[in-house]
Protein backbone atom coordinates (compact mmCIF):
# COMPACT_ATOMS: atom_id res chain seq x y z
CA UNK A 1 134.29 109.74 117.32
CA UNK A 2 133.55 106.12 114.97
CA UNK A 3 133.25 107.15 111.60
CA UNK A 4 129.57 105.88 111.19
CA UNK A 5 130.56 103.92 107.69
CA UNK A 6 129.09 100.97 107.07
CA UNK A 7 127.30 99.77 109.77
CA UNK A 8 126.23 96.14 107.82
CA UNK A 9 129.78 95.14 107.39
CA UNK A 10 128.31 92.16 105.58
CA UNK A 11 126.99 94.16 102.71
CA UNK A 12 130.34 96.02 102.32
CA UNK A 13 132.58 93.18 101.53
CA UNK A 14 130.12 90.68 99.74
CA UNK A 15 131.82 92.71 96.28
CA UNK A 16 135.01 91.71 96.95
CA UNK A 17 135.10 88.38 95.80
CA UNK A 18 138.59 87.18 95.29
CA UNK A 19 139.98 90.67 94.96
CA UNK A 20 143.14 90.97 97.06
CA UNK A 21 142.67 92.32 100.19
CA UNK A 22 145.07 94.47 102.38
CA UNK A 23 144.17 93.96 106.77
CA UNK A 24 145.67 95.40 109.37
CA UNK A 25 145.81 93.53 112.56
CA UNK A 26 147.01 95.31 115.89
CA UNK A 27 147.46 93.49 118.72
CA UNK A 28 150.63 94.77 120.36
CA UNK A 29 151.03 92.73 123.47
CA UNK A 30 151.75 90.89 125.48
CA UNK A 31 152.87 87.49 124.81
CA UNK A 32 150.29 85.19 125.83
CA UNK A 33 147.52 88.05 124.39
CA UNK A 34 149.71 88.03 120.70
CA UNK A 35 149.33 83.44 121.11
CA UNK A 36 146.24 83.99 121.73
CA UNK A 37 144.83 86.24 118.60
CA UNK A 38 146.85 84.14 115.88
CA UNK A 39 143.57 82.57 115.30
CA UNK A 40 142.00 85.60 113.61
CA UNK A 41 145.14 85.47 111.09
CA UNK A 42 145.08 82.21 110.56
CA UNK A 43 141.30 81.88 109.26
CA UNK A 44 141.29 85.15 107.62
CA UNK A 45 144.28 84.01 105.67
CA UNK A 46 142.55 80.63 105.25
CA UNK A 47 139.33 82.59 104.03
CA UNK A 48 141.16 85.54 101.47
CA UNK A 49 144.13 83.88 100.32
CA UNK A 50 145.49 86.13 98.41
CA UNK A 51 145.22 89.14 101.04
CA UNK A 52 148.07 91.11 102.62
CA UNK A 53 147.79 91.22 106.04
CA UNK A 54 150.06 93.00 108.19
CA UNK A 55 150.56 92.80 112.01
CA UNK A 56 151.20 96.08 114.83
CA UNK A 57 153.19 94.61 117.64
CA UNK A 58 155.55 95.66 119.97
CA UNK A 59 159.48 95.45 119.04
CA UNK A 60 160.53 92.97 121.89
CA UNK A 61 157.84 90.66 120.38
CA UNK A 62 158.21 90.59 116.72
CA UNK A 63 160.50 87.82 116.58
CA UNK A 64 156.72 86.02 117.39
CA UNK A 65 155.80 86.63 113.85
CA UNK A 66 158.75 87.56 111.27
CA UNK A 67 158.58 84.65 109.02
CA UNK A 68 155.09 84.04 109.49
CA UNK A 69 153.69 82.49 106.28
CA UNK A 70 150.09 83.93 106.62
CA UNK A 71 151.77 87.71 107.27
CA UNK A 72 153.05 89.98 104.17
CA UNK A 73 154.61 92.42 106.86
CA UNK A 74 155.30 93.01 110.87
CA UNK A 75 155.22 96.47 111.99
CA UNK A 76 157.18 96.98 115.03
CA UNK A 77 155.64 99.25 117.85
CA UNK A 78 157.95 100.95 120.71
CA UNK A 79 156.08 102.04 123.14
CA UNK A 80 158.52 104.22 124.33
CA UNK A 81 158.86 106.22 121.57
CA UNK A 82 155.67 107.22 121.78
CA UNK A 83 156.16 109.19 124.71
CA UNK A 84 159.09 111.15 123.34
CA UNK A 85 159.20 113.92 120.87
CA UNK A 86 162.15 113.09 119.51
CA UNK A 87 160.57 110.36 118.09
CA UNK A 88 157.72 111.80 116.45
CA UNK A 89 158.64 112.33 113.26
CA UNK A 90 159.77 108.88 112.51
CA UNK A 91 156.05 108.27 114.16
CA UNK A 92 154.18 110.04 111.60
CA UNK A 93 155.91 108.49 108.74
CA UNK A 94 155.60 105.61 109.91
CA UNK A 95 151.75 106.39 109.97
CA UNK A 96 151.37 107.91 106.63
CA UNK A 97 153.33 105.02 105.26
CA UNK A 98 150.02 103.00 106.92
CA UNK A 99 147.49 105.49 105.36
CA UNK A 100 149.34 105.48 101.53
CA UNK A 101 148.61 100.91 102.03
CA UNK A 102 144.64 101.99 102.11
CA UNK A 103 143.89 99.22 104.26
CA UNK A 104 140.40 97.26 103.48
CA UNK A 105 139.62 96.26 107.26
CA UNK A 106 141.61 97.47 110.29
CA UNK A 107 141.06 95.07 112.58
CA UNK A 108 142.20 96.49 116.72
CA UNK A 109 142.15 93.52 119.10
CA UNK A 110 144.04 95.60 122.02
CA UNK A 111 140.99 98.35 122.15
CA UNK A 112 142.88 100.40 124.56
CA UNK A 113 143.14 104.34 123.61
CA UNK A 114 146.41 104.18 122.12
CA UNK A 115 145.63 101.23 119.49
CA UNK A 116 141.89 102.69 118.99
CA UNK A 117 143.84 105.57 118.19
CA UNK A 118 146.42 104.25 116.01
CA UNK A 119 143.76 102.44 114.16
CA UNK A 120 141.69 105.35 113.34
CA UNK A 121 144.51 106.88 112.15
CA UNK A 122 145.66 104.42 109.88
CA UNK A 123 142.32 105.40 108.09
CA UNK A 124 141.56 102.19 106.43
CA UNK A 125 138.19 101.02 104.60
CA UNK A 126 136.95 99.52 107.61
CA UNK A 127 137.53 99.39 111.45
CA UNK A 128 136.34 97.23 113.39
CA UNK A 129 137.38 96.38 117.49
CA UNK A 130 136.36 94.98 121.02
CA UNK A 131 134.35 96.54 123.52
CA UNK A 132 136.93 97.16 125.65
CA UNK A 133 135.12 100.06 127.71
CA UNK A 134 138.38 100.83 130.00
CA UNK A 135 140.24 103.70 127.82
CA UNK A 136 137.00 104.49 125.51
CA UNK A 137 138.30 102.80 122.47
CA UNK A 138 135.66 101.96 121.07
CA UNK A 139 134.32 105.28 119.81
CA UNK A 140 136.75 104.35 117.14
CA UNK A 141 135.45 101.44 115.43
CA UNK A 142 132.45 101.32 112.65
CA UNK A 143 132.25 97.72 114.37
CA UNK A 144 132.21 97.15 118.05
CA UNK A 145 132.38 93.34 119.39
CA UNK A 146 131.13 93.07 123.03
CA UNK A 147 132.32 90.32 124.71
CA UNK A 148 129.36 87.35 124.95
CA UNK A 149 129.72 86.93 128.65
CA UNK A 150 132.26 87.96 131.60
CA UNK A 151 133.53 84.29 131.50
CA UNK A 152 134.37 83.86 127.64
CA UNK A 153 137.94 83.43 127.15
CA UNK A 154 139.55 85.83 125.51
CA UNK A 155 140.51 83.50 121.95
CA UNK A 156 136.79 83.01 121.60
CA UNK A 157 136.36 86.89 122.10
CA UNK A 158 138.51 87.36 119.52
CA UNK A 159 137.48 85.18 117.19
CA UNK A 160 133.91 87.10 117.23
CA UNK A 161 135.59 89.79 115.27
CA UNK A 162 134.83 87.05 112.38
CA UNK A 163 131.41 86.20 111.53
CA UNK A 164 130.78 90.38 111.04
CA UNK A 165 133.75 89.86 108.26
CA UNK A 166 132.08 87.10 106.76
CA UNK A 167 134.62 84.53 108.26
CA UNK A 168 133.46 81.53 109.28
CA UNK A 169 134.88 80.44 112.78
CA UNK A 170 136.77 77.34 112.24
CA UNK A 171 139.51 75.00 114.73
CA UNK A 172 141.40 72.95 112.11
CA UNK A 173 144.28 75.73 111.38
CA UNK A 174 148.33 75.56 112.46
CA UNK A 175 148.47 78.09 115.05
CA UNK A 176 151.71 77.95 115.61
CA UNK A 177 153.76 76.99 112.86
CA UNK A 178 157.18 74.97 113.29
CA UNK A 179 160.16 76.46 112.48
CA UNK A 180 162.75 73.29 111.88
CA UNK A 181 166.25 75.70 111.78
CA UNK A 182 164.86 77.16 115.10
CA UNK A 183 164.00 73.33 116.01
CA UNK A 184 167.09 72.10 114.94
CA UNK A 185 169.53 74.64 116.94
CA UNK A 186 168.07 73.08 120.59
CA UNK A 187 169.79 70.13 119.73
CA UNK A 188 172.98 72.48 118.57
CA UNK A 189 172.93 74.34 121.97
CA UNK A 190 171.64 72.23 124.37
CA UNK A 191 171.78 68.92 123.28
CA UNK A 192 168.15 68.40 123.35
CA UNK A 193 167.12 64.46 122.12
CA UNK A 194 164.90 64.20 119.99
CA UNK A 195 165.26 60.04 120.20
CA UNK A 196 162.45 59.26 123.18
CA UNK A 197 163.81 61.59 126.01
CA UNK A 198 160.83 63.06 127.49
CA UNK A 199 161.30 66.70 128.53
CA UNK A 200 158.59 68.09 131.25
CA UNK A 201 158.58 71.53 131.75
CA UNK A 202 158.49 74.42 133.92
CA UNK A 203 157.69 78.12 133.83
CA UNK A 204 157.98 79.73 137.09
CA UNK A 205 157.81 83.56 136.34
CA UNK A 206 155.10 85.78 135.24
CA UNK A 207 154.48 89.41 135.19
CA UNK A 208 152.75 89.95 138.76
CA UNK A 209 154.40 88.36 142.08
CA UNK A 210 150.86 87.22 143.06
CA UNK A 211 150.25 84.46 139.78
CA UNK A 212 153.89 83.05 140.97
CA UNK A 213 153.46 79.74 143.41
CA UNK A 214 156.01 79.86 145.62
CA UNK A 215 159.50 78.63 143.96
CA UNK A 216 160.39 76.12 147.10
CA UNK A 217 157.40 74.68 145.95
CA UNK A 218 158.31 74.02 142.69
CA UNK A 219 162.00 72.81 143.80
CA UNK A 220 160.14 70.10 145.57
CA UNK A 221 158.30 69.14 142.77
CA UNK A 222 161.33 68.82 140.53
CA UNK A 223 163.08 66.95 143.16
CA UNK A 224 160.00 63.99 143.41
CA UNK A 225 159.95 63.85 139.63
CA UNK A 226 163.65 63.60 138.93
CA UNK A 227 163.14 60.15 140.96
CA UNK A 228 161.77 58.77 137.86
CA UNK A 229 164.66 58.56 135.13
CA UNK A 230 162.74 58.57 132.03
CA UNK A 231 161.76 61.76 131.82
CA UNK A 232 164.17 65.28 132.24
CA UNK A 233 162.97 68.48 133.27
CA UNK A 234 164.00 71.66 131.99
CA UNK A 235 163.22 75.78 133.69
CA UNK A 236 161.97 78.25 131.40
CA UNK A 237 162.15 82.12 132.11
CA UNK A 238 163.22 85.37 130.87
CA UNK A 239 166.10 87.07 132.32
CA UNK A 240 164.79 88.24 135.38
CA UNK A 241 164.13 83.84 136.53
CA UNK A 242 167.56 83.11 137.02
CA UNK A 243 167.09 83.36 140.52
CA UNK A 244 164.20 80.95 140.04
CA UNK A 245 165.97 78.48 137.40
CA UNK A 246 168.93 78.22 139.51
CA UNK A 247 166.92 77.27 143.04
CA UNK A 248 164.92 74.68 140.89
CA UNK A 249 167.98 73.13 139.07
CA UNK A 250 169.30 72.87 142.81
CA UNK A 251 167.00 70.79 144.06
CA UNK A 252 167.38 68.17 141.01
CA UNK A 253 170.85 67.94 139.87
CA UNK A 254 171.47 66.06 136.62
CA UNK A 255 167.92 66.05 135.61
CA UNK A 256 167.25 69.48 135.26
CA UNK A 257 168.02 71.72 132.50
CA UNK A 258 168.49 75.42 133.45
CA UNK A 259 167.24 77.26 129.88
CA UNK A 260 166.16 80.53 132.10
CA UNK A 261 167.68 83.87 130.39
CA UNK A 262 169.63 81.90 127.47
CA UNK A 263 166.56 81.32 124.77
CA UNK A 264 165.04 83.32 122.15
CA UNK A 265 161.07 83.68 121.99
CA UNK A 266 161.20 81.58 118.89
CA UNK A 267 163.64 79.01 120.73
CA UNK A 268 160.75 78.72 123.70
CA UNK A 269 158.46 78.13 121.34
CA UNK A 270 160.27 75.07 120.31
CA UNK A 271 160.99 74.03 123.50
CA UNK A 272 157.40 74.38 124.64
CA UNK A 273 156.99 72.15 121.13
CA UNK A 274 159.28 69.67 122.23
CA UNK A 275 158.35 68.99 125.34
CA UNK A 276 155.38 66.79 127.02
CA UNK A 277 154.34 68.76 129.13
CA UNK A 278 154.53 72.67 130.77
CA UNK A 279 153.92 72.72 134.77
CA UNK A 280 153.43 77.17 134.69
CA UNK A 281 151.90 79.91 135.98
CA UNK A 282 149.61 82.33 134.40
CA UNK A 283 151.84 83.04 131.80
CA UNK A 284 152.59 83.81 127.98
CA UNK A 285 154.11 80.37 127.52
CA UNK A 286 151.30 78.65 129.12
CA UNK A 287 149.52 80.12 126.14
CA UNK A 288 152.12 78.95 123.56
CA UNK A 289 151.63 75.33 124.83
CA UNK A 290 147.95 75.82 124.80
CA UNK A 291 148.65 76.66 121.12
CA UNK A 292 150.61 73.56 120.54
CA UNK A 293 148.16 71.19 121.59
CA UNK A 294 151.02 70.36 124.58
CA UNK A 295 149.28 69.09 128.48
CA UNK A 296 149.96 72.30 130.31
CA UNK A 297 149.12 71.91 134.62
CA UNK A 298 148.33 75.63 135.01
CA UNK A 299 148.27 76.97 138.35
CA UNK A 300 146.20 80.08 139.23
CA UNK A 301 145.70 82.35 141.97
CA UNK A 302 144.16 85.97 141.25
CA UNK A 303 143.43 85.51 137.66
CA UNK A 304 140.26 83.73 135.90
CA UNK A 305 141.26 80.37 134.03
CA UNK A 306 137.87 80.74 132.22
CA UNK A 307 138.63 83.87 130.76
CA UNK A 308 142.58 83.71 130.61
CA UNK A 309 143.44 80.03 131.06
CA UNK A 310 145.33 77.75 128.58
CA UNK A 311 142.52 77.13 126.10
CA UNK A 312 141.07 74.16 126.12
CA UNK A 313 142.04 72.90 129.10
CA UNK A 314 140.83 75.72 131.57
CA UNK A 315 138.89 73.08 133.09
CA UNK A 316 142.47 71.10 134.40
CA UNK A 317 143.54 74.09 135.99
CA UNK A 318 144.32 74.17 139.86
CA UNK A 319 142.97 77.01 141.79
CA UNK A 320 142.11 77.47 145.29
CA UNK A 321 138.43 77.98 145.06
CA UNK A 322 137.76 78.24 148.84
CA UNK A 323 139.03 81.17 149.32
CA UNK A 324 136.60 84.16 149.39
CA UNK A 325 138.97 86.33 147.34
CA UNK A 326 139.36 83.89 144.65
CA UNK A 327 139.81 84.93 141.74
CA UNK A 328 140.61 88.81 142.88
CA UNK A 329 141.52 89.90 139.46
CA UNK A 330 143.90 92.57 141.25
CA UNK A 331 148.14 92.32 140.62
CA UNK A 332 148.67 92.45 144.39
CA UNK A 333 147.56 90.46 147.11
CA UNK A 334 145.49 92.50 149.54
CA UNK A 335 144.12 88.99 151.76
CA UNK A 336 145.39 88.42 155.31
CA UNK A 337 147.16 85.46 154.10
CA UNK A 338 149.25 87.08 151.91
CA UNK A 339 149.41 84.49 148.55
CA UNK A 340 146.84 82.36 150.55
CA UNK A 341 145.57 81.13 147.15
CA UNK A 342 149.26 80.34 145.22
CA UNK A 343 150.56 78.82 148.86
CA UNK A 344 147.32 76.56 149.40
CA UNK A 345 148.33 74.62 146.38
CA UNK A 346 150.14 71.75 147.42
CA UNK A 347 153.15 70.13 145.29
CA UNK A 348 151.16 66.85 145.83
CA UNK A 349 148.54 68.49 144.41
CA UNK A 350 150.73 69.59 141.54
CA UNK A 351 152.50 66.08 141.02
CA UNK A 352 148.85 64.33 140.98
CA UNK A 353 147.71 66.37 138.13
CA UNK A 354 151.25 66.11 136.36
CA UNK A 355 150.57 62.03 136.45
CA UNK A 356 147.12 61.76 135.54
CA UNK A 357 147.94 64.48 132.39
CA UNK A 358 151.34 62.48 131.57
CA UNK A 359 150.80 59.12 132.75
CA UNK A 360 154.10 59.09 134.48
CA UNK A 361 154.19 56.28 137.08
CA UNK A 362 154.72 56.70 140.75
CA UNK A 363 158.80 55.36 141.29
CA UNK A 364 158.46 52.06 143.09
């Protein structure tokens, strides 16, 4: 289905010079994936500072990109509306607007059937996407970018769309620019201290249940860390994680602040920026911490840290590699000892890694 235009994109773009480029990036979900794709935006904008770049993203994640200095606009995408005929006229109007922009580049980093079709219908002058064969989206693209290897990290795979566009891959960029007004609000809402308090953050939830280290292990870890009076603890998570937050804070009363279900997406990011270290399952805030250069103690079960671990810190991920099923890459555990890949990771092992990464002394 691909249009077959301009099979050498270098030839197509070398004559652009300083003229304004209009670019559409498609990466609607999930939080961690969008964060890991942001370097593509940063480096294109660095190479083409006069460009106008738009991002297609799920409505729930739009606050992540609102006001971003490198974007000309955010195009919210409501997944449910795609399946609802009464909303199709509005979707068509949005699509007509996109087609009227006459985008020079359309970059599909989601590479599923829905995003591939939408990218193709946007009718840009050049369409590039990743070679993810799950739903056949590759048939829409002018240039298809394969994954270098099975263990290529997601960030590096996203960045691999840049060389065909003549954009250098560099690492010295501001991944998640600060939001001073949001940061200031943390102190107003929670009394967060900026004068030397050391915050250790927990994130006990995840999209898959079999990615979640048992909450009683988090609670035991919180109890042990609370013995060190030089640090405070905070638990991050959405409304669905409130029971987890309550269980952890109950184990360390007075030392642990329960933030589950209370933060906006921008506030969560600023909490991670404020924190000194994040202890987390394999989930979106882990990638936020990696993007911000914060130490991460990532606890992995069914997933592969080399592919989706905290970028730049994957070698320090904790995983039970002695089990034959790890990593299974499945959303449901089928092992004879359910969740053994996570249960085998002890609080003592996590605590040792926390102290190694944070240099928190053991209490006397």
